[in-house]
Amino acid sequence: TTLCLQFPARTVASACTYLACRMCKVRPVGGRDWPEVLHVEPDALASISVQLMELIAEKKGCDLAVFKDIRSELDKMASGGVSGVKRPMSGGGSDVKKPRLE
């Protein structure tokens, strides 16, 4: 996978944390959503998570139906946030795709 070239390591790690929490049925508290808790852009979280789910399903031979609920939430995030309102992220969107020239 080329995730490490597409996104900063911290953003990929946040998406892994998101997927692990979702698989264990852990939810954010206090009315917050995942991008806010993890301090990542919803589009980046959705893109990375979908790529990881496809990779896992391909390698492990899993049925993609297992990821249906997660995919639905990710689609909502990418199209304007889970709550329907896209919130600006603190940090000015620094986790959006950027070249890894650092």
C-alpha atoms as a PDB file:
ATOM      1  CA  THR A   1       0.000   0.000   0.000  1.00  0.00           C
ATOM      2  CA  THR A   2       1.080   3.565  -0.595  1.00  0.00           C
ATOM      3  CA  LEU A   3      -0.679   5.083   2.412  1.00  0.00           C
ATOM      4  CA  CYS A   4       2.636   6.216   3.884  1.00  0.00           C
ATOM      5  CA  LEU A   5       3.225   8.252   0.721  1.00  0.00           C
ATOM      6  CA  GLN A   6      -0.291   9.669   0.583  1.00  0.00           C
ATOM      7  CA  PHE A   7      -0.686  10.769   4.216  1.00  0.00           C
ATOM      8  CA  PRO A   8       1.441  11.684   7.240  1.00  0.00           C
ATOM      9  CA  ALA A   9       2.163   8.792   9.626  1.00  0.00           C
ATOM     10  CA  ARG A  10       0.105  10.390  12.396  1.00  0.00           C
ATOM     11  CA  THR A  11      -2.975  10.501  10.157  1.00  0.00           C
ATOM     12  CA  VAL A  12      -2.571   6.836   9.174  1.00  0.00           C
ATOM     13  CA  ALA A  13      -2.161   5.909  12.855  1.00  0.00           C
ATOM     14  CA  SER A  14      -5.324   7.846  13.702  1.00  0.00           C
ATOM     15  CA  ALA A  15      -7.262   5.920  11.063  1.00  0.00           C
ATOM     16  CA  CYS A  16      -5.962   2.633  12.518  1.00  0.00           C
ATOM     17  CA  THR A  17      -7.125   3.783  15.950  1.00  0.00           C
ATOM     18  CA  TYR A  18     -10.534   4.665  14.488  1.00  0.00           C
ATOM     19  CA  LEU A  19     -10.918   1.233  12.871  1.00  0.00           C
ATOM     20  CA  ALA A  20      -9.803  -0.588  16.030  1.00  0.00           C
ATOM     21  CA  CYS A  21     -12.291   1.376  18.126  1.00  0.00           C
ATOM     22  CA  ARG A  22     -15.110   0.759  15.671  1.00  0.00           C
ATOM     23  CA  MET A  23     -14.383  -2.987  15.561  1.00  0.00           C
ATOM     24  CA  CYS A  24     -14.514  -3.053  19.386  1.00  0.00           C
ATOM     25  CA  LYS A  25     -17.720  -0.977  19.394  1.00  0.00           C
ATOM     26  CA  VAL A  26     -16.084   1.973  21.175  1.00  0.00           C
ATOM     27  CA  ARG A  27     -17.721   5.350  20.529  1.00  0.00           C
ATOM     28  CA  PRO A  28     -16.629   8.914  21.341  1.00  0.00           C
ATOM     29  CA  VAL A  29     -18.329  10.498  24.336  1.00  0.00           C
ATOM     30  CA  GLY A  30     -19.772  13.938  24.832  1.00  0.00           C
ATOM     31  CA  GLY A  31     -21.406  14.224  21.419  1.00  0.00           C
ATOM     32  CA  ARG A  32     -18.053  14.461  19.644  1.00  0.00           C
ATOM     33  CA  ASP A  33     -17.359  12.685  16.380  1.00  0.00           C
ATOM     34  CA  TRP A  34     -14.288  10.678  15.375  1.00  0.00           C
ATOM     35  CA  PRO A  35     -12.514  13.343  13.286  1.00  0.00           C
ATOM     36  CA  GLU A  36     -12.801  15.766  16.199  1.00  0.00           C
ATOM     37  CA  VAL A  37     -11.533  13.209  18.724  1.00  0.00           C
ATOM     38  CA  LEU A  38      -8.631  12.105  16.527  1.00  0.00           C
ATOM     39  CA  HIS A  39      -7.829  15.600  15.181  1.00  0.00           C
ATOM     40  CA  VAL A  40      -7.923  14.536  11.527  1.00  0.00           C
ATOM     41  CA  GLU A  41      -9.861  15.736   8.506  1.00  0.00           C
ATOM     42  CA  PRO A  42     -12.970  13.622   7.779  1.00  0.00           C
ATOM     43  CA  ASP A  43     -11.912  13.112   4.139  1.00  0.00           C
ATOM     44  CA  ALA A  44      -8.488  11.810   5.155  1.00  0.00           C
ATOM     45  CA  LEU A  45      -9.957   9.516   7.818  1.00  0.00           C
ATOM     46  CA  ALA A  46     -12.467   8.119   5.333  1.00  0.00           C
ATOM     47  CA  SER A  47      -9.913   7.608   2.558  1.00  0.00           C
ATOM     48  CA  ILE A  48      -7.363   5.849   4.749  1.00  0.00           C
ATOM     49  CA  SER A  49      -9.957   3.706   6.509  1.00  0.00           C
ATOM     50  CA  VAL A  50     -11.515   2.519   3.249  1.00  0.00           C
ATOM     51  CA  GLN A  51      -8.092   1.629   1.841  1.00  0.00           C
ATOM     52  CA  LEU A  52      -7.205  -0.294   5.007  1.00  0.00           C
ATOM     53  CA  MET A  53     -10.532  -2.148   5.045  1.00  0.00           C
ATOM     54  CA  GLU A  54     -10.093  -3.171   1.415  1.00  0.00           C
ATOM     55  CA  LEU A  55      -6.546  -4.339   2.135  1.00  0.00           C
ATOM     56  CA  ILE A  56      -7.647  -6.353   5.168  1.00  0.00           C
ATOM     57  CA  ALA A  57     -10.559  -7.926   3.313  1.00  0.00           C
ATOM     58  CA  GLU A  58      -8.316  -8.812   0.378  1.00  0.00           C
ATOM     59  CA  LYS A  59      -5.523 -10.333   2.488  1.00  0.00           C
ATOM     60  CA  LYS A  60      -7.676 -12.081   5.074  1.00  0.00           C
ATOM     61  CA  GLY A  61     -10.423 -13.183   2.710  1.00  0.00           C
ATOM     62  CA  CYS A  62     -13.033 -11.384   4.811  1.00  0.00           C
ATOM     63  CA  ASP A  63     -16.471 -10.574   3.537  1.00  0.00           C
ATOM     64  CA  LEU A  64     -16.754  -6.837   2.907  1.00  0.00           C
ATOM     65  CA  ALA A  65     -20.205  -6.963   4.543  1.00  0.00           C
ATOM     66  CA  VAL A  66     -18.370  -6.914   7.886  1.00  0.00           C
ATOM     67  CA  PHE A  67     -17.312  -3.355   7.110  1.00  0.00           C
ATOM     68  CA  LYS A  68     -20.717  -2.147   5.864  1.00  0.00           C
ATOM     69  CA  ASP A  69     -21.596  -0.131   8.984  1.00  0.00           C
ATOM     70  CA  ILE A  70     -18.143   1.433   9.167  1.00  0.00           C
ATOM     71  CA  ARG A  71     -18.218   2.276   5.458  1.00  0.00           C
ATOM     72  CA  SER A  72     -21.609   3.944   5.875  1.00  0.00           C
ATOM     73  CA  GLU A  73     -20.263   6.159   8.663  1.00  0.00           C
ATOM     74  CA  LEU A  74     -17.163   6.977   6.607  1.00  0.00           C
ATOM     75  CA  ASP A  75     -19.309   7.986   3.636  1.00  0.00           C
ATOM     76  CA  LYS A  76     -21.259  10.347   5.898  1.00  0.00           C
ATOM     77  CA  MET A  77     -18.009  11.808   7.244  1.00  0.00           C
ATOM     78  CA  ALA A  78     -16.561  12.385   3.798  1.00  0.00           C
ATOM     79  CA  SER A  79     -19.728  14.054   2.532  1.00  0.00           C
ATOM     80  CA  GLY A  80     -20.084  16.558   5.313  1.00  0.00           C
ATOM     81  CA  GLY A  81     -19.523  15.040   8.697  1.00  0.00           C
ATOM     82  CA  VAL A  82     -21.344  12.452  10.741  1.00  0.00           C
ATOM     83  CA  SER A  83     -23.704  15.024  12.189  1.00  0.00           C
ATOM     84  CA  GLY A  84     -24.321  16.480   8.737  1.00  0.00           C
ATOM     85  CA  VAL A  85     -22.210  19.571   9.416  1.00  0.00           C
ATOM     86  CA  LYS A  86     -18.607  19.643   8.297  1.00  0.00           C
ATOM     87  CA  ARG A  87     -16.574  21.227  11.056  1.00  0.00           C
ATOM     88  CA  PRO A  88     -13.248  22.934  10.492  1.00  0.00           C
ATOM     89  CA  MET A  89     -10.442  21.086  12.222  1.00  0.00           C
ATOM     90  CA  SER A  90      -8.137  22.809  14.647  1.00  0.00           C
ATOM     91  CA  GLY A  91      -4.704  23.128  13.114  1.00  0.00           C
ATOM     92  CA  GLY A  92      -5.939  24.457   9.786  1.00  0.00           C
ATOM     93  CA  GLY A  93      -6.372  21.111   8.050  1.00  0.00           C
ATOM     94  CA  SER A  94      -2.736  20.101   8.263  1.00  0.00           C
ATOM     95  CA  ASP A  95      -3.621  16.398   7.922  1.00  0.00           C
ATOM     96  CA  VAL A  96      -4.981  16.740   4.407  1.00  0.00           C
ATOM     97  CA  LYS A  97      -2.989  15.004   1.655  1.00  0.00           C
ATOM     98  CA  LYS A  98       0.347  16.670   1.154  1.00  0.00           C
ATOM     99  CA  PRO A  99       3.639  15.683  -0.429  1.00  0.00           C
ATOM    100  CA  ARG A 100       6.090  13.903   1.848  1.00  0.00           C
ATOM    101  CA  LEU A 101       9.105  16.086   1.107  1.00  0.00           C
ATOM    102  CA  GLU A 102       9.933  16.874   4.720  1.00  0.00           C
END
